[in-house]
Amino acid sequence: MIRCPKCNKQISDIPGSRCPRCKRKITSKDVGHIVCPEPGCNAVLPKSSVYCPKCGAKIRSEGIDEKVNKVMRKIEKILESL
């Protein structure tokens, strides 16, 4: 559930739905999601997505901090299993 950006009523966070009070259409930007840029896919994804799980399109590049954190988590899991 989110609050309508126009009238502040609590509403569903499903993109494409409408606010029952002011009839504003809820977009993926309102709920913190992005739409896959691949033509014909249009899957709604979390902003943190790197790849689209539906079509495999690359959404954004991982930053160096994200890559380092991913490697550190893998190293920690390996060390915990020893």
PDB file of N, CA and C in Angstrom:
ATOM      1  N   MET A   1       0.839  -1.176   0.000  1.00  0.00           N
ATOM      2  CA  MET A   1       0.000   0.000   0.000  1.00  0.00           C
ATOM      3  C   MET A   1       0.889   1.245   0.000  1.00  0.00           C
ATOM      4  N   ILE A   2       0.458   2.241  -0.758  1.00  0.00           N
ATOM      5  CA  ILE A   2       1.136   3.530  -0.811  1.00  0.00           C
ATOM      6  C   ILE A   2       0.104   4.639  -0.626  1.00  0.00           C
ATOM      7  N   ARG A   3       0.576   5.855  -0.566  1.00  0.00           N
ATOM      8  CA  ARG A   3      -0.326   7.009  -0.504  1.00  0.00           C
ATOM      9  C   ARG A   3      -0.375   7.657  -1.881  1.00  0.00           C
ATOM     10  N   CYS A   4      -1.560   8.038  -2.301  1.00  0.00           N
ATOM     11  CA  CYS A   4      -1.745   8.689  -3.594  1.00  0.00           C
ATOM     12  C   CYS A   4      -0.944   9.987  -3.602  1.00  0.00           C
ATOM     13  N   PRO A   5      -0.117  10.209  -4.637  1.00  0.00           N
ATOM     14  CA  PRO A   5       0.671  11.440  -4.704  1.00  0.00           C
ATOM     15  C   PRO A   5      -0.186  12.694  -4.843  1.00  0.00           C
ATOM     16  N   LYS A   6      -1.423  12.558  -5.307  1.00  0.00           N
ATOM     17  CA  LYS A   6      -2.273  13.728  -5.530  1.00  0.00           C
ATOM     18  C   LYS A   6      -3.129  14.066  -4.313  1.00  0.00           C
ATOM     19  N   CYS A   7      -3.834  13.052  -3.735  1.00  0.00           N
ATOM     20  CA  CYS A   7      -4.781  13.354  -2.647  1.00  0.00           C
ATOM     21  C   CYS A   7      -4.393  12.728  -1.306  1.00  0.00           C
ATOM     22  N   ASN A   8      -3.313  11.933  -1.281  1.00  0.00           N
ATOM     23  CA  ASN A   8      -2.769  11.340  -0.055  1.00  0.00           C
ATOM     24  C   ASN A   8      -3.619  10.209   0.531  1.00  0.00           C
ATOM     25  N   LYS A   9      -4.581   9.678  -0.215  1.00  0.00           N
ATOM     26  CA  LYS A   9      -5.372   8.536   0.263  1.00  0.00           C
ATOM     27  C   LYS A   9      -4.527   7.271   0.151  1.00  0.00           C
ATOM     28  N   GLN A  10      -4.658   6.371   1.114  1.00  0.00           N
ATOM     29  CA  GLN A  10      -3.930   5.109   1.055  1.00  0.00           C
ATOM     30  C   GLN A  10      -4.567   4.233  -0.018  1.00  0.00           C
ATOM     31  N   ILE A  11      -3.730   3.741  -0.947  1.00  0.00           N
ATOM     32  CA  ILE A  11      -4.232   2.991  -2.097  1.00  0.00           C
ATOM     33  C   ILE A  11      -3.343   1.796  -2.394  1.00  0.00           C
ATOM     34  N   SER A  12      -3.779   0.976  -3.333  1.00  0.00           N
ATOM     35  CA  SER A  12      -3.017  -0.184  -3.780  1.00  0.00           C
ATOM     36  C   SER A  12      -1.748   0.280  -4.497  1.00  0.00           C
ATOM     37  N   ASP A  13      -0.689  -0.513  -4.383  1.00  0.00           N
ATOM     38  CA  ASP A  13       0.560  -0.145  -5.047  1.00  0.00           C
ATOM     39  C   ASP A  13       0.738  -0.861  -6.385  1.00  0.00           C
ATOM     40  N   ILE A  14      -0.335  -1.323  -6.979  1.00  0.00           N
ATOM     41  CA  ILE A  14      -0.269  -2.009  -8.266  1.00  0.00           C
ATOM     42  C   ILE A  14      -0.269  -0.958  -9.384  1.00  0.00           C
ATOM     43  N   PRO A  15       0.831  -0.887 -10.186  1.00  0.00           N
ATOM     44  CA  PRO A  15       0.857   0.077 -11.280  1.00  0.00           C
ATOM     45  C   PRO A  15      -0.309  -0.160 -12.233  1.00  0.00           C
ATOM     46  N   GLY A  16      -0.924   0.927 -12.675  1.00  0.00           N
ATOM     47  CA  GLY A  16      -2.069   0.834 -13.574  1.00  0.00           C
ATOM     48  C   GLY A  16      -3.403   0.979 -12.869  1.00  0.00           C
ATOM     49  N   SER A  17      -3.412   0.796 -11.534  1.00  0.00           N
ATOM     50  CA  SER A  17      -4.658   0.976 -10.795  1.00  0.00           C
ATOM     51  C   SER A  17      -4.928   2.471 -10.639  1.00  0.00           C
ATOM     52  N   ARG A  18      -6.122   2.805 -10.188  1.00  0.00           N
ATOM     53  CA  ARG A  18      -6.508   4.207 -10.021  1.00  0.00           C
ATOM     54  C   ARG A  18      -6.904   4.466  -8.574  1.00  0.00           C
ATOM     55  N   CYS A  19      -6.634   5.673  -8.137  1.00  0.00           N
ATOM     56  CA  CYS A  19      -7.034   6.100  -6.804  1.00  0.00           C
ATOM     57  C   CYS A  19      -8.558   6.210  -6.782  1.00  0.00           C
ATOM     58  N   PRO A  20      -9.228   5.576  -5.802  1.00  0.00           N
ATOM     59  CA  PRO A  20     -10.692   5.650  -5.767  1.00  0.00           C
ATOM     60  C   PRO A  20     -11.219   7.044  -5.431  1.00  0.00           C
ATOM     61  N   ARG A  21     -10.396   7.877  -4.811  1.00  0.00           N
ATOM     62  CA  ARG A  21     -10.854   9.217  -4.434  1.00  0.00           C
ATOM     63  C   ARG A  21     -10.698  10.211  -5.582  1.00  0.00           C
ATOM     64  N   CYS A  22      -9.477  10.342  -6.141  1.00  0.00           N
ATOM     65  CA  CYS A  22      -9.230  11.382  -7.144  1.00  0.00           C
ATOM     66  C   CYS A  22      -9.094  10.827  -8.566  1.00  0.00           C
ATOM     67  N   LYS A  23      -9.108   9.505  -8.703  1.00  0.00           N
ATOM     68  CA  LYS A  23      -9.046   8.819 -10.007  1.00  0.00           C
ATOM     69  C   LYS A  23      -7.692   8.953 -10.710  1.00  0.00           C
ATOM     70  N   ARG A  24      -6.658   9.355  -9.983  1.00  0.00           N
ATOM     71  CA  ARG A  24      -5.325   9.455 -10.582  1.00  0.00           C
ATOM     72  C   ARG A  24      -4.804   8.057 -10.858  1.00  0.00           C
ATOM     73  N   LYS A  25      -4.240   7.858 -12.048  1.00  0.00           N
ATOM     74  CA  LYS A  25      -3.677   6.561 -12.410  1.00  0.00           C
ATOM     75  C   LYS A  25      -2.320   6.392 -11.730  1.00  0.00           C
ATOM     76  N   ILE A  26      -2.104   5.254 -11.098  1.00  0.00           N
ATOM     77  CA  ILE A  26      -0.857   4.968 -10.395  1.00  0.00           C
ATOM     78  C   ILE A  26       0.148   4.401 -11.398  1.00  0.00           C
ATOM     79  N   THR A  27       1.314   5.025 -11.462  1.00  0.00           N
ATOM     80  CA  THR A  27       2.359   4.570 -12.383  1.00  0.00           C
ATOM     81  C   THR A  27       3.437   3.822 -11.621  1.00  0.00           C
ATOM     82  N   SER A  28       4.301   3.156 -12.363  1.00  0.00           N
ATOM     83  CA  SER A  28       5.395   2.413 -11.731  1.00  0.00           C
ATOM     84  C   SER A  28       6.348   3.354 -11.006  1.00  0.00           C
ATOM     85  N   LYS A  29       6.461   4.604 -11.440  1.00  0.00           N
ATOM     86  CA  LYS A  29       7.326   5.579 -10.766  1.00  0.00           C
ATOM     87  C   LYS A  29       6.777   5.936  -9.390  1.00  0.00           C
ATOM     88  N   ASP A  30       5.454   5.903  -9.246  1.00  0.00           N
ATOM     89  CA  ASP A  30       4.827   6.224  -7.962  1.00  0.00           C
ATOM     90  C   ASP A  30       5.154   5.188  -6.894  1.00  0.00           C
ATOM     91  N   VAL A  31       5.361   3.949  -7.291  1.00  0.00           N
ATOM     92  CA  VAL A  31       5.565   2.870  -6.321  1.00  0.00           C
ATOM     93  C   VAL A  31       7.016   2.437  -6.209  1.00  0.00           C
ATOM     94  N   GLY A  32       7.918   3.172  -6.828  1.00  0.00           N
ATOM     95  CA  GLY A  32       9.343   2.855  -6.707  1.00  0.00           C
ATOM     96  C   GLY A  32       9.778   1.699  -7.578  1.00  0.00           C
ATOM     97  N   HIS A  33       9.128   1.515  -8.694  1.00  0.00           N
ATOM     98  CA  HIS A  33       9.495   0.476  -9.633  1.00  0.00           C
ATOM     99  C   HIS A  33       9.870   1.107 -10.963  1.00  0.00           C
ATOM    100  N   ILE A  34      10.483   0.309 -11.825  1.00  0.00           N
ATOM    101  CA  ILE A  34      10.796   0.749 -13.172  1.00  0.00           C
ATOM    102  C   ILE A  34      10.182  -0.244 -14.144  1.00  0.00           C
ATOM    103  N   VAL A  35      10.045   0.161 -15.377  1.00  0.00           N
ATOM    104  CA  VAL A  35       9.514  -0.709 -16.421  1.00  0.00           C
ATOM    105  C   VAL A  35      10.672  -1.130 -17.305  1.00  0.00           C
ATOM    106  N   CYS A  36      10.726  -2.411 -17.646  1.00  0.00           N
ATOM    107  CA  CYS A  36      11.783  -2.925 -18.516  1.00  0.00           C
ATOM    108  C   CYS A  36      11.784  -2.146 -19.830  1.00  0.00           C
ATOM    109  N   PRO A  37      12.958  -1.668 -20.265  1.00  0.00           N
ATOM    110  CA  PRO A  37      13.024  -0.863 -21.483  1.00  0.00           C
ATOM    111  C   PRO A  37      12.953  -1.674 -22.773  1.00  0.00           C
ATOM    112  N   GLU A  38      13.018  -2.986 -22.673  1.00  0.00           N
ATOM    113  CA  GLU A  38      12.998  -3.831 -23.866  1.00  0.00           C
ATOM    114  C   GLU A  38      11.627  -3.757 -24.542  1.00  0.00           C
ATOM    115  N   PRO A  39      11.596  -3.444 -25.846  1.00  0.00           N
ATOM    116  CA  PRO A  39      10.303  -3.381 -26.544  1.00  0.00           C
ATOM    117  C   PRO A  39       9.569  -4.724 -26.471  1.00  0.00           C
ATOM    118  N   GLY A  40       8.309  -4.675 -26.115  1.00  0.00           N
ATOM    119  CA  GLY A  40       7.499  -5.886 -26.040  1.00  0.00           C
ATOM    120  C   GLY A  40       7.526  -6.573 -24.693  1.00  0.00           C
ATOM    121  N   CYS A  41       8.418  -6.201 -23.810  1.00  0.00           N
ATOM    122  CA  CYS A  41       8.493  -6.841 -22.491  1.00  0.00           C
ATOM    123  C   CYS A  41       7.643  -6.081 -21.481  1.00  0.00           C
ATOM    124  N   ASN A  42       8.022  -4.851 -21.187  1.00  0.00           N
ATOM    125  CA  ASN A  42       7.293  -3.969 -20.270  1.00  0.00           C
ATOM    126  C   ASN A  42       7.030  -4.570 -18.891  1.00  0.00           C
ATOM    127  N   ALA A  43       7.913  -5.426 -18.402  1.00  0.00           N
ATOM    128  CA  ALA A  43       7.775  -5.989 -17.057  1.00  0.00           C
ATOM    129  C   ALA A  43       8.038  -4.897 -16.020  1.00  0.00           C
ATOM    130  N   VAL A  44       7.315  -4.932 -14.908  1.00  0.00           N
ATOM    131  CA  VAL A  44       7.507  -3.973 -13.822  1.00  0.00           C
ATOM    132  C   VAL A  44       8.496  -4.589 -12.838  1.00  0.00           C
ATOM    133  N   LEU A  45       9.595  -3.870 -12.570  1.00  0.00           N
ATOM    134  CA  LEU A  45      10.701  -4.397 -11.778  1.00  0.00           C
ATOM    135  C   LEU A  45      11.055  -3.448 -10.638  1.00  0.00           C
ATOM    136  N   PRO A  46      11.650  -3.986  -9.559  1.00  0.00           N
ATOM    137  CA  PRO A  46      12.162  -3.106  -8.506  1.00  0.00           C
ATOM    138  C   PRO A  46      13.307  -2.252  -9.059  1.00  0.00           C
ATOM    139  N   LYS A  47      13.507  -1.072  -8.489  1.00  0.00           N
ATOM    140  CA  LYS A  47      14.568  -0.181  -8.959  1.00  0.00           C
ATOM    141  C   LYS A  47      15.955  -0.799  -8.822  1.00  0.00           C
ATOM    142  N   SER A  48      16.107  -1.763  -7.930  1.00  0.00           N
ATOM    143  CA  SER A  48      17.418  -2.379  -7.709  1.00  0.00           C
ATOM    144  C   SER A  48      17.775  -3.428  -8.760  1.00  0.00           C
ATOM    145  N   SER A  49      16.877  -3.706  -9.702  1.00  0.00           N
ATOM    146  CA  SER A  49      17.117  -4.739 -10.715  1.00  0.00           C
ATOM    147  C   SER A  49      18.287  -4.374 -11.622  1.00  0.00           C
ATOM    148  N   VAL A  50      19.107  -5.371 -11.905  1.00  0.00           N
ATOM    149  CA  VAL A  50      20.205  -5.204 -12.845  1.00  0.00           C
ATOM    150  C   VAL A  50      19.794  -5.824 -14.180  1.00  0.00           C
ATOM    151  N   TYR A  51      19.094  -6.972 -14.114  1.00  0.00           N
ATOM    152  CA  TYR A  51      18.588  -7.662 -15.292  1.00  0.00           C
ATOM    153  C   TYR A  51      17.096  -7.912 -15.134  1.00  0.00           C
ATOM    154  N   CYS A  52      16.386  -7.933 -16.243  1.00  0.00           N
ATOM    155  CA  CYS A  52      14.962  -8.253 -16.224  1.00  0.00           C
ATOM    156  C   CYS A  52      14.809  -9.771 -16.131  1.00  0.00           C
ATOM    157  N   PRO A  53      14.074 -10.286 -15.133  1.00  0.00           N
ATOM    158  CA  PRO A  53      13.912 -11.728 -15.014  1.00  0.00           C
ATOM    159  C   PRO A  53      13.013 -12.310 -16.105  1.00  0.00           C
ATOM    160  N   LYS A  54      12.223 -11.478 -16.756  1.00  0.00           N
ATOM    161  CA  LYS A  54      11.311 -11.962 -17.790  1.00  0.00           C
ATOM    162  C   LYS A  54      12.009 -12.144 -19.133  1.00  0.00           C
ATOM    163  N   CYS A  55      12.777 -11.122 -19.565  1.00  0.00           N
ATOM    164  CA  CYS A  55      13.400 -11.195 -20.891  1.00  0.00           C
ATOM    165  C   CYS A  55      14.923 -11.219 -20.858  1.00  0.00           C
ATOM    166  N   GLY A  56      15.522 -10.927 -19.700  1.00  0.00           N
ATOM    167  CA  GLY A  56      16.977 -10.957 -19.574  1.00  0.00           C
ATOM    168  C   GLY A  56      17.681  -9.679 -19.973  1.00  0.00           C
ATOM    169  N   ALA A  57      16.933  -8.635 -20.319  1.00  0.00           N
ATOM    170  CA  ALA A  57      17.552  -7.368 -20.725  1.00  0.00           C
ATOM    171  C   ALA A  57      18.308  -6.748 -19.555  1.00  0.00           C
ATOM    172  N   LYS A  58      19.426  -6.120 -19.872  1.00  0.00           N
ATOM    173  CA  LYS A  58      20.203  -5.432 -18.850  1.00  0.00           C
ATOM    174  C   LYS A  58      19.514  -4.113 -18.540  1.00  0.00           C
ATOM    175  N   ILE A  59      19.189  -3.895 -17.269  1.00  0.00           N
ATOM    176  CA  ILE A  59      18.468  -2.700 -16.846  1.00  0.00           C
ATOM    177  C   ILE A  59      19.442  -1.581 -16.509  1.00  0.00           C
ATOM    178  N   ARG A  60      20.472  -1.900 -15.777  1.00  0.00           N
ATOM    179  CA  ARG A  60      21.468  -0.906 -15.396  1.00  0.00           C
ATOM    180  C   ARG A  60      22.768  -1.613 -15.071  1.00  0.00           C
ATOM    181  N   SER A  61      23.839  -0.863 -15.040  1.00  0.00           N
ATOM    182  CA  SER A  61      25.144  -1.408 -14.691  1.00  0.00           C
ATOM    183  C   SER A  61      25.309  -1.404 -13.179  1.00  0.00           C
ATOM    184  N   GLU A  62      25.959  -2.442 -12.683  1.00  0.00           N
ATOM    185  CA  GLU A  62      26.283  -2.472 -11.257  1.00  0.00           C
ATOM    186  C   GLU A  62      27.433  -1.507 -11.003  1.00  0.00           C
ATOM    187  N   GLY A  63      27.317  -0.746  -9.938  1.00  0.00           N
ATOM    188  CA  GLY A  63      28.410   0.135  -9.540  1.00  0.00           C
ATOM    189  C   GLY A  63      29.492  -0.672  -8.851  1.00  0.00           C
ATOM    190  N   ILE A  64      30.650  -0.095  -8.687  1.00  0.00           N
ATOM    191  CA  ILE A  64      31.775  -0.791  -8.054  1.00  0.00           C
ATOM    192  C   ILE A  64      31.444  -1.175  -6.616  1.00  0.00           C
ATOM    193  N   ASP A  65      30.707  -0.331  -5.900  1.00  0.00           N
ATOM    194  CA  ASP A  65      30.333  -0.656  -4.523  1.00  0.00           C
ATOM    195  C   ASP A  65      29.444  -1.894  -4.470  1.00  0.00           C
ATOM    196  N   GLU A  66      28.497  -2.006  -5.408  1.00  0.00           N
ATOM    197  CA  GLU A  66      27.616  -3.178  -5.439  1.00  0.00           C
ATOM    198  C   GLU A  66      28.411  -4.443  -5.738  1.00  0.00           C
ATOM    199  N   LYS A  67      29.365  -4.343  -6.665  1.00  0.00           N
ATOM    200  CA  LYS A  67      30.188  -5.507  -7.007  1.00  0.00           C
ATOM    201  C   LYS A  67      31.036  -5.940  -5.816  1.00  0.00           C
ATOM    202  N   VAL A  68      31.653  -4.976  -5.135  1.00  0.00           N
ATOM    203  CA  VAL A  68      32.484  -5.289  -3.969  1.00  0.00           C
ATOM    204  C   VAL A  68      31.629  -5.934  -2.876  1.00  0.00           C
ATOM    205  N   ASN A  69      30.441  -5.386  -2.612  1.00  0.00           N
ATOM    206  CA  ASN A  69      29.562  -5.956  -1.590  1.00  0.00           C
ATOM    207  C   ASN A  69      29.141  -7.375  -1.935  1.00  0.00           C
ATOM    208  N   LYS A  70      28.859  -7.631  -3.207  1.00  0.00           N
ATOM    209  CA  LYS A  70      28.465  -8.972  -3.635  1.00  0.00           C
ATOM    210  C   LYS A  70      29.600  -9.970  -3.407  1.00  0.00           C
ATOM    211  N   VAL A  71      30.823  -9.569  -3.762  1.00  0.00           N
ATOM    212  CA  VAL A  71      31.988 -10.443  -3.572  1.00  0.00           C
ATOM    213  C   VAL A  71      32.240 -10.668  -2.079  1.00  0.00           C
ATOM    214  N   MET A  72      32.101  -9.621  -1.274  1.00  0.00           N
ATOM    215  CA  MET A  72      32.312  -9.756   0.177  1.00  0.00           C
ATOM    216  C   MET A  72      31.303 -10.722   0.799  1.00  0.00           C
ATOM    217  N   ARG A  73      30.041 -10.656   0.356  1.00  0.00           N
ATOM    218  CA  ARG A  73      29.035 -11.596   0.878  1.00  0.00           C
ATOM    219  C   ARG A  73      29.380 -13.032   0.516  1.00  0.00           C
ATOM    220  N   LYS A  74      29.872 -13.251  -0.701  1.00  0.00           N
ATOM    221  CA  LYS A  74      30.270 -14.594  -1.108  1.00  0.00           C
ATOM    222  C   LYS A  74      31.440 -15.093  -0.264  1.00  0.00           C
ATOM    223  N   ILE A  75      32.419 -14.237  -0.019  1.00  0.00           N
ATOM    224  CA  ILE A  75      33.574 -14.607   0.805  1.00  0.00           C
ATOM    225  C   ILE A  75      33.124 -14.938   2.224  1.00  0.00           C
ATOM    226  N   GLU A  76      32.224 -14.123   2.788  1.00  0.00           N
ATOM    227  CA  GLU A  76      31.729 -14.384   4.146  1.00  0.00           C
ATOM    228  C   GLU A  76      31.003 -15.720   4.231  1.00  0.00           C
ATOM    229  N   LYS A  77      30.213 -16.063   3.221  1.00  0.00           N
ATOM    230  CA  LYS A  77      29.503 -17.354   3.223  1.00  0.00           C
ATOM    231  C   LYS A  77      30.491 -18.517   3.185  1.00  0.00           C
ATOM    232  N   ILE A  78      31.541 -18.352   2.365  1.00  0.00           N
ATOM    233  CA  ILE A  78      32.553 -19.414   2.286  1.00  0.00           C
ATOM    234  C   ILE A  78      33.270 -19.573   3.624  1.00  0.00           C
ATOM    235  N   LEU A  79      33.646 -18.467   4.242  1.00  0.00           N
ATOM    236  CA  LEU A  79      34.343 -18.524   5.528  1.00  0.00           C
ATOM    237  C   LEU A  79      33.449 -19.112   6.629  1.00  0.00           C
ATOM    238  N   GLU A  80      32.161 -18.812   6.589  1.00  0.00           N
ATOM    239  CA  GLU A  80      31.242 -19.357   7.597  1.00  0.00           C
ATOM    240  C   GLU A  80      31.101 -20.864   7.463  1.00  0.00           C
ATOM    241  N   SER A  81      31.214 -21.369   6.245  1.00  0.00           N
ATOM    242  CA  SER A  81      31.043 -22.813   6.032  1.00  0.00           C
ATOM    243  C   SER A  81      32.270 -23.624   6.432  1.00  0.00           C
ATOM    244  N   LEU A  82      33.389 -22.950   6.684  1.00  0.00           N
ATOM    245  CA  LEU A  82      34.626 -23.667   7.057  1.00  0.00           C
ATOM    246  C   LEU A  82      34.629 -24.086   8.498  1.00  0.00           C
TER     247      LEU A  82
END
